[in-house]
Protein backbone atom coordinates (compact mmCIF):
# COMPACT_ATOMS: atom_id res chain seq x y z
CA MET A 1 -27.99 22.20 -0.41
CA ASN A 2 -28.66 18.11 -0.76
CA ALA A 3 -25.07 17.20 -0.26
CA PRO A 4 -23.87 14.64 2.55
CA ASP A 5 -21.37 16.05 5.18
CA ARG A 6 -17.76 15.87 3.96
CA TYR A 7 -16.97 13.63 7.05
CA GLU A 8 -18.89 11.11 5.40
CA ARG A 9 -16.36 10.73 2.78
CA PHE A 10 -13.95 9.38 5.44
CA VAL A 11 -15.46 8.01 8.95
CA VAL A 12 -16.78 4.90 8.51
CA PRO A 13 -20.00 4.30 10.56
CA GLU A 14 -19.69 2.44 13.55
CA GLY A 15 -20.87 -0.47 13.01
CA THR A 16 -19.74 -0.82 9.31
CA LYS A 17 -16.57 -2.59 8.55
CA LYS A 18 -14.26 -1.00 6.88
CA VAL A 19 -13.39 -4.46 4.17
CA SER A 20 -16.32 -6.68 3.62
CA TYR A 21 -15.57 -10.18 1.36
CA GLU A 22 -18.05 -11.80 -0.97
CA ARG A 23 -17.48 -14.98 -2.53
CA ASP A 24 -18.45 -15.40 -6.06
CA THR A 25 -20.86 -18.14 -6.56
CA LYS A 26 -20.93 -18.88 -10.22
CA ILE A 27 -17.25 -18.53 -10.78
CA VAL A 28 -14.37 -20.38 -8.61
CA ASN A 29 -11.81 -18.81 -6.83
CA ALA A 30 -13.28 -15.18 -7.40
CA GLY A 31 -15.35 -12.37 -5.17
CA SER A 32 -15.65 -9.04 -4.27
CA PHE A 33 -14.37 -7.01 -1.52
CA THR A 34 -16.04 -3.73 -0.50
CA ILE A 35 -14.26 -1.30 0.80
CA GLU A 36 -16.08 1.63 2.80
CA ARG A 37 -14.67 4.99 2.48
CA GLU A 38 -12.40 4.91 -0.49
CA ASP A 39 -12.47 6.44 -3.95
CA HIS A 40 -10.22 5.96 -7.55
CA THR A 41 -7.07 6.58 -5.57
CA ILE A 42 -6.98 3.09 -3.35
CA GLY A 43 -9.08 1.60 -6.29
CA ASN A 44 -6.58 2.04 -8.97
CA ILE A 45 -3.30 1.58 -6.72
CA LEU A 46 -4.97 -2.01 -5.36
CA ARG A 47 -6.39 -3.10 -8.95
CA MET A 48 -2.39 -1.86 -10.25
CA GLN A 49 -1.08 -4.26 -7.30
CA LEU A 50 -3.07 -7.46 -7.58
CA HIS A 51 -2.10 -7.48 -11.68
CA ARG A 52 1.69 -7.95 -10.67
CA ASP A 53 0.98 -11.10 -8.98
CA PRO A 54 1.01 -13.54 -11.13
CA ASN A 55 -1.88 -16.19 -9.82
CA VAL A 56 -4.46 -12.79 -10.06
CA LEU A 57 -6.49 -14.09 -13.31
CA PHE A 58 -8.49 -10.46 -13.48
CA ALA A 59 -8.79 -7.87 -10.83
CA GLY A 60 -10.98 -4.69 -11.28
CA TYR A 61 -12.82 -2.27 -9.55
CA LYS A 62 -15.60 0.42 -9.55
CA LEU A 63 -17.52 2.73 -7.37
CA PRO A 64 -21.33 2.00 -7.10
CA HIS A 65 -22.45 5.61 -6.97
CA PRO A 66 -20.71 9.04 -6.68
CA LEU A 67 -22.59 9.31 -3.39
CA GLN A 68 -21.45 6.55 -1.99
CA TYR A 69 -18.21 6.39 -0.78
CA LYS A 70 -16.93 2.98 -1.21
CA ILE A 71 -15.06 1.08 -4.18
CA ILE A 72 -15.54 -2.67 -4.94
CA VAL A 73 -12.83 -4.63 -5.92
CA ARG A 74 -13.16 -8.06 -7.67
CA VAL A 75 -10.53 -10.39 -7.85
CA HIS A 76 -10.52 -14.12 -9.96
CA THR A 77 -7.69 -15.79 -9.29
CA ALA A 78 -5.78 -19.14 -10.22
CA ASN A 79 -6.50 -22.32 -8.35
CA GLN A 80 -2.71 -22.08 -6.75
CA SER A 81 -4.18 -19.18 -4.59
CA THR A 82 -7.72 -17.25 -3.73
CA PRO A 83 -8.78 -14.07 -3.92
CA THR A 84 -8.23 -13.64 0.03
CA GLN A 85 -5.05 -14.42 0.04
CA ALA A 86 -3.90 -12.56 -3.40
CA TYR A 87 -5.66 -9.48 -1.58
CA THR A 88 -4.04 -9.56 1.99
CA GLN A 89 -0.40 -9.84 -0.32
CA ALA A 90 -1.27 -7.16 -2.60
CA ILE A 91 -1.63 -5.43 0.54
CA ASN A 92 0.95 -5.96 2.50
CA ASP A 93 3.71 -5.30 -0.54
CA LEU A 94 1.87 -1.99 -0.33
CA ASP A 95 2.64 -1.05 2.30
CA LYS A 96 6.64 -2.17 1.94
CA GLU A 97 6.40 0.16 -1.25
CA LEU A 98 4.75 2.95 0.90
CA GLU A 99 7.36 2.52 3.54
CA ASN A 100 10.17 2.30 0.98
CA LEU A 101 8.79 5.56 -0.67
CA LYS A 102 8.40 7.15 2.99
CA GLN A 103 12.01 6.51 3.84
CA ALA A 104 13.58 7.74 0.66
CA PHE A 105 11.66 10.76 0.82
CA GLU A 106 13.06 11.64 4.49
CA ASP A 107 16.90 10.46 3.51
CA GLU A 108 16.39 13.12 0.22
CA LYS A 109 15.01 15.86 2.69
CA ILE A 110 17.52 15.41 5.44
CA ARG A 111 20.76 15.23 2.38
CA TYR A 112 19.12 18.53 1.23
CA GLU A 113 19.09 20.39 4.65
CA GLU A 114 22.54 19.51 5.74
CA ARG A 115 23.91 20.56 1.96
CA PRO A 116 25.67 23.74 2.46
CA LYS A 117 23.34 27.04 2.15
CA GLN A 118 23.62 28.50 -1.26
CA GLY A 119 23.09 32.39 -1.41
CA TYR A 120 20.34 33.75 -3.62
């Protein structure tokens, strides 16, 4: 079979950065982030979070090829911010949001386990 090994979808090869940034030479305050070993899940969440930032004029992502396990996120910002600042803020905000979601889930799980047992 010609398909690559499954672990290649998740494991970043040695010597390869997880995230790299390339500044756009034609547009001011624009650039591309290449994120290795990620797919539509992270790409779409990150794009949506970037859209929440009022300084972000454009945010989009693409998968270059189905057998290349990386996404390219393009960000264009207003003069008050840089793409790197917007990207970092989006990642930090997502981290806080996921931490809140995890805490709410754990609280609800504890509440469910502590409720009186109902016989079925």
